[in-house]
Amino acid sequence: MGFSNCRKRSLLRALFSALILFSLNGCIYLVVGGIGAVGGYIVSPDTVEGLTENDVVEVWDGTLEIISIMGTIKEQNENNGLLIAKISGSEVTIKIVKLNESNIKVSVKARKAYLPKISVAQDVFVKIMSHLNE
């Protein structure tokens, strides 16, 4: 019992379309947590980043608080704005970069066994940004 030529073509088109979608390297804007409440960009298969207008010390302290609730902090370096933690079995790396006096960039990267875990990165990012916007 084999596939008809029409069915084979449909299957190949679907697979090709899926490959194209997964291989596109661009930023995808996402709005999570309500209409316009928290926004960020998926910049790679494992990283979400966004901007906040909070003070860099507030961002660091808020991020530290959320990460310590969600998982275990493995490494922290406030001078470099780097936090590494274990959350939901994934290694999560958070970078906090001061772009100028009013904008701070927060990047959240999550991987489990060298595989991207964008859902974990999104969850952590949304919780950090929601906490900062309270």
Protein backbone atom coordinates (compact mmCIF):
# COMPACT_ATOMS: atom_id res chain seq x y z
CA MET A 1 0.00 0.00 0.00
CA GLY A 2 1.85 3.09 -1.20
CA PHE A 3 1.27 6.79 -1.46
CA SER A 4 -0.17 8.26 -4.62
CA ASN A 5 1.93 10.82 -6.51
CA CYS A 6 -0.42 13.61 -5.43
CA ARG A 7 -0.10 12.61 -1.76
CA LYS A 8 3.70 12.39 -2.07
CA ARG A 9 3.86 15.91 -3.54
CA SER A 10 1.64 17.26 -0.76
CA LEU A 11 3.82 15.62 1.87
CA LEU A 12 7.02 16.95 0.26
CA ARG A 13 5.54 20.47 0.07
CA ALA A 14 4.59 20.33 3.74
CA LEU A 15 8.06 19.11 4.75
CA PHE A 16 9.75 21.73 2.57
CA SER A 17 7.55 24.48 4.03
CA ALA A 18 8.36 23.34 7.57
CA LEU A 19 12.10 23.35 6.79
CA ILE A 20 11.89 26.86 5.36
CA LEU A 21 9.99 28.13 8.41
CA PHE A 22 12.49 26.61 10.85
CA SER A 23 15.53 27.85 8.94
CA LEU A 24 14.49 31.48 8.64
CA ASN A 25 16.85 33.62 10.67
CA GLY A 26 14.97 36.72 11.60
CA CYS A 27 13.43 38.36 14.58
CA ILE A 28 9.88 37.49 15.43
CA TYR A 29 8.04 39.90 17.67
CA LEU A 30 5.88 38.30 20.29
CA VAL A 31 3.34 39.76 22.64
CA VAL A 32 2.79 37.67 25.72
CA GLY A 33 0.82 38.13 28.91
CA GLY A 34 -2.00 40.24 27.53
CA ILE A 35 -2.41 42.79 24.82
CA GLY A 36 0.87 44.65 24.60
CA ALA A 37 1.75 43.92 28.24
CA VAL A 38 5.09 42.28 27.60
CA GLY A 39 6.87 42.24 24.28
CA GLY A 40 10.13 40.79 23.13
CA TYR A 41 11.95 39.49 20.13
CA ILE A 42 12.88 35.90 19.44
CA VAL A 43 16.37 36.49 18.06
CA SER A 44 17.39 32.85 17.68
CA PRO A 45 15.86 29.43 18.34
CA ASP A 46 16.88 29.67 22.00
CA THR A 47 16.90 33.41 22.84
CA VAL A 48 14.28 36.03 23.65
CA GLU A 49 15.23 39.64 24.28
CA GLY A 50 13.57 42.95 24.87
CA LEU A 51 14.03 46.45 26.26
CA THR A 52 12.97 48.02 29.52
CA GLU A 53 13.19 51.57 30.79
CA ASN A 54 13.88 50.55 34.39
CA ASP A 55 17.15 51.38 36.14
CA VAL A 56 19.89 48.78 35.59
CA VAL A 57 20.08 48.05 39.34
CA GLU A 58 16.31 47.48 39.47
CA VAL A 59 16.55 45.14 36.47
CA TRP A 60 19.42 43.20 38.06
CA ASP A 61 17.69 42.89 41.45
CA GLY A 62 14.34 41.98 39.90
CA THR A 63 15.92 39.38 37.63
CA LEU A 64 17.86 37.88 40.53
CA GLU A 65 14.65 37.64 42.57
CA ILE A 66 12.66 35.94 39.79
CA ILE A 67 15.46 33.53 38.89
CA SER A 68 16.01 32.47 42.50
CA ILE A 69 12.27 31.68 42.74
CA MET A 70 12.15 29.76 39.44
CA GLY A 71 15.34 27.75 39.80
CA THR A 72 18.90 27.57 41.08
CA ILE A 73 21.47 30.26 40.34
CA LYS A 74 24.73 28.68 39.17
CA GLU A 75 26.72 31.82 38.39
CA GLN A 76 26.22 35.56 38.71
CA ASN A 77 28.36 38.50 37.68
CA GLU A 78 26.69 41.86 38.23
CA ASN A 79 29.56 43.84 36.66
CA ASN A 80 29.10 41.97 33.36
CA GLY A 81 25.31 41.69 33.75
CA LEU A 82 25.40 37.90 33.50
CA LEU A 83 23.29 35.32 35.32
CA ILE A 84 23.37 31.57 34.67
CA ALA A 85 20.74 29.37 36.29
CA LYS A 86 19.15 25.95 36.13
CA ILE A 87 15.40 26.27 35.50
CA SER A 88 13.06 23.43 34.52
CA GLY A 89 16.06 21.24 33.72
CA SER A 90 17.43 23.82 31.27
CA GLU A 91 20.50 26.01 31.51
CA VAL A 92 19.28 29.59 31.32
CA THR A 93 21.67 32.46 30.58
CA ILE A 94 20.46 36.00 31.19
CA LYS A 95 22.37 39.03 29.95
CA ILE A 96 21.52 42.53 31.11
CA VAL A 97 23.08 45.29 29.00
CA LYS A 98 22.72 49.03 29.54
CA LEU A 99 22.25 50.55 26.09
CA ASN A 100 21.89 54.17 27.23
CA GLU A 101 20.58 56.12 30.22
CA SER A 102 16.98 55.05 29.63
CA ASN A 103 17.13 51.63 27.94
CA ILE A 104 18.26 48.28 29.30
CA LYS A 105 18.33 45.18 27.09
CA VAL A 106 17.43 41.86 28.72
CA SER A 107 18.35 38.65 26.83
CA VAL A 108 17.23 35.22 28.01
CA LYS A 109 18.72 32.09 26.43
CA ALA A 110 17.63 28.57 27.40
CA ARG A 111 19.10 25.21 26.40
CA LYS A 112 18.61 21.66 27.63
CA ALA A 113 21.16 19.05 26.58
CA TYR A 114 22.49 21.47 23.93
CA LEU A 115 19.00 21.81 22.39
CA PRO A 116 17.14 25.13 22.34
CA LYS A 117 14.22 25.53 24.78
CA ILE A 118 12.50 28.69 23.57
CA SER A 119 9.46 28.00 25.76
CA VAL A 120 11.62 28.18 28.89
CA ALA A 121 13.32 31.36 27.62
CA GLN A 122 9.92 32.95 26.92
CA ASP A 123 8.58 31.97 30.34
CA VAL A 124 11.59 33.41 32.17
CA PHE A 125 11.59 36.59 30.04
CA VAL A 126 7.87 37.22 30.60
CA LYS A 127 8.17 36.71 34.36
CA ILE A 128 11.13 39.09 34.59
CA MET A 129 9.45 41.80 32.51
CA SER A 130 6.12 41.41 34.31
CA HIS A 131 7.89 41.75 37.65
CA LEU A 132 9.70 44.88 36.46
CA ASN A 133 6.46 46.43 35.19
CA GLU A 134 4.55 45.94 38.49
